[in-house]
Amino acid sequence: MPTEPVAETISFDDFLRVDVRVGTVTDAQPYPEARKPAIKLWIDFGPEIGSRKSSAQITEHYRPEELIGRQVAAVVNFPPRQIGKFMSEVLVLGFADAEGRIVLIGPDHPVPNGARMC
């Protein structure tokens, strides 16, 4: 997969407007009704944010049962988005591998749910 060009320069204040938090996957279910293969995720972001849902196109590398208990990074301040019959409330973050399959981003050591990326 080709590398994309670097995006335009933004200010630090612009960066701070994107609220990236860590949460723990508490439930994960296949979402075969989605237009592209996906997994429905329920993610605990701690007491301040609570649990939020996401639909993620991550079926190439992950099975739902493997995701439970895993910490993932997500943007929590985008508006909800209807994905078929499922309302996705956060955008789970990842990188595309060489074949374009998504690899999730998460901490390599446990951190408190709801911790903000800094």
Protein backbone atom coordinates (compact mmCIF):
# COMPACT_ATOMS: atom_id res chain seq x y z
CA MET A 1 0.00 0.00 0.00
CA PRO A 2 1.54 3.34 -1.01
CA THR A 3 2.38 5.89 1.65
CA GLU A 4 0.16 8.97 1.60
CA PRO A 5 1.70 12.44 1.46
CA VAL A 6 2.11 14.34 4.72
CA ALA A 7 -0.99 16.39 5.56
CA GLU A 8 -0.88 20.17 5.75
CA THR A 9 0.70 21.72 8.85
CA ILE A 10 -1.73 22.39 11.70
CA SER A 11 -1.37 24.25 14.97
CA PHE A 12 -0.98 22.54 18.32
CA ASP A 13 -4.41 23.91 19.25
CA ASP A 14 -5.87 22.11 16.19
CA PHE A 15 -4.26 18.88 17.39
CA LEU A 16 -5.72 19.32 20.88
CA ARG A 17 -9.23 19.53 19.43
CA VAL A 18 -9.02 15.82 18.49
CA ASP A 19 -9.75 13.93 21.72
CA VAL A 20 -7.96 10.57 21.51
CA ARG A 21 -8.55 8.31 24.52
CA VAL A 22 -7.76 4.75 25.49
CA GLY A 23 -10.45 2.27 26.44
CA THR A 24 -10.85 -1.44 27.07
CA VAL A 25 -12.99 -3.57 24.78
CA THR A 26 -15.72 -5.15 26.92
CA ASP A 27 -17.67 -6.85 24.14
CA ALA A 28 -17.10 -7.57 20.45
CA GLN A 29 -19.54 -9.09 17.99
CA PRO A 30 -19.37 -9.91 14.28
CA TYR A 31 -21.23 -7.43 12.08
CA PRO A 32 -22.01 -9.41 8.92
CA GLU A 33 -24.77 -6.97 7.91
CA ALA A 34 -22.23 -4.18 7.36
CA ARG A 35 -21.45 -3.23 3.75
CA LYS A 36 -17.77 -4.09 4.39
CA PRO A 37 -16.85 -6.83 6.89
CA ALA A 38 -16.70 -5.32 10.37
CA ILE A 39 -16.76 -6.04 14.10
CA LYS A 40 -19.03 -4.20 16.54
CA LEU A 41 -17.10 -3.09 19.63
CA TRP A 42 -18.22 -1.90 23.06
CA ILE A 43 -15.39 0.02 24.73
CA ASP A 44 -15.10 1.19 28.36
CA PHE A 45 -13.49 4.65 28.54
CA GLY A 46 -13.78 4.94 32.33
CA PRO A 47 -16.29 6.77 34.54
CA GLU A 48 -16.03 10.22 32.92
CA ILE A 49 -16.82 9.06 29.36
CA GLY A 50 -18.42 5.68 30.00
CA SER A 51 -18.95 2.90 27.47
CA ARG A 52 -19.14 3.74 23.77
CA LYS A 53 -19.77 1.66 20.64
CA SER A 54 -17.82 1.45 17.41
CA SER A 55 -18.00 -0.45 14.14
CA ALA A 56 -14.50 -1.29 12.93
CA GLN A 57 -13.34 -2.89 9.67
CA ILE A 58 -10.73 -5.05 11.38
CA THR A 59 -11.85 -8.58 10.42
CA GLU A 60 -8.65 -9.44 8.54
CA HIS A 61 -6.44 -9.42 11.65
CA TYR A 62 -8.88 -9.86 14.55
CA ARG A 63 -11.64 -12.16 15.76
CA PRO A 64 -14.23 -10.73 18.17
CA GLU A 65 -13.31 -13.03 21.05
CA GLU A 66 -9.63 -11.97 20.85
CA LEU A 67 -10.51 -8.30 21.29
CA ILE A 68 -12.23 -8.51 24.68
CA GLY A 69 -9.92 -7.07 27.33
CA ARG A 70 -7.68 -5.34 24.79
CA GLN A 71 -6.99 -1.62 25.17
CA VAL A 72 -7.50 0.46 22.02
CA ALA A 73 -7.15 4.12 21.07
CA ALA A 74 -10.16 5.99 19.71
CA VAL A 75 -11.33 9.49 18.85
CA VAL A 76 -14.17 10.17 21.28
CA ASN A 77 -15.30 13.63 20.12
CA PHE A 78 -16.53 12.92 16.58
CA PRO A 79 -20.29 12.94 16.10
CA PRO A 80 -21.95 9.50 16.10
CA ARG A 81 -22.24 7.84 12.68
CA GLN A 82 -24.89 5.39 11.54
CA ILE A 83 -23.25 2.25 10.10
CA GLY A 84 -26.16 0.20 8.77
CA LYS A 85 -28.41 -0.48 11.74
CA PHE A 86 -25.59 0.20 14.23
CA MET A 87 -24.72 3.62 15.69
CA SER A 88 -20.93 4.02 15.90
CA GLU A 89 -20.06 6.53 18.64
CA VAL A 90 -16.24 6.59 18.48
CA LEU A 91 -13.59 6.10 15.80
CA VAL A 92 -11.20 3.29 16.72
CA LEU A 93 -7.70 4.05 15.41
CA GLY A 94 -5.36 1.88 13.42
CA PHE A 95 -2.85 1.76 10.60
CA ALA A 96 -3.13 -0.08 7.29
CA ASP A 97 -0.53 -2.82 6.82
CA ALA A 98 1.17 -3.49 3.46
CA GLU A 99 -2.01 -5.18 2.16
CA GLY A 100 -4.33 -2.45 3.44
CA ARG A 101 -5.63 -4.47 6.42
CA ILE A 102 -6.16 -2.45 9.58
CA VAL A 103 -3.89 -2.97 12.62
CA LEU A 104 -5.25 -1.44 15.82
CA ILE A 105 -3.41 1.17 17.88
CA GLY A 106 -3.20 0.68 21.64
CA PRO A 107 -0.77 1.10 24.51
CA ASP A 108 1.89 -1.57 25.03
CA HIS A 109 1.47 -1.24 28.82
CA PRO A 110 -1.85 -0.91 30.68
CA VAL A 111 -3.09 2.63 31.25
CA PRO A 112 -6.28 3.87 32.95
CA ASN A 113 -9.38 3.76 30.76
CA GLY A 114 -10.16 7.25 29.57
CA ALA A 115 -6.52 8.40 29.56
CA ARG A 116 -6.02 11.05 26.91
CA MET A 117 -3.25 10.82 24.33
CA CYS A 118 -0.53 13.33 25.05
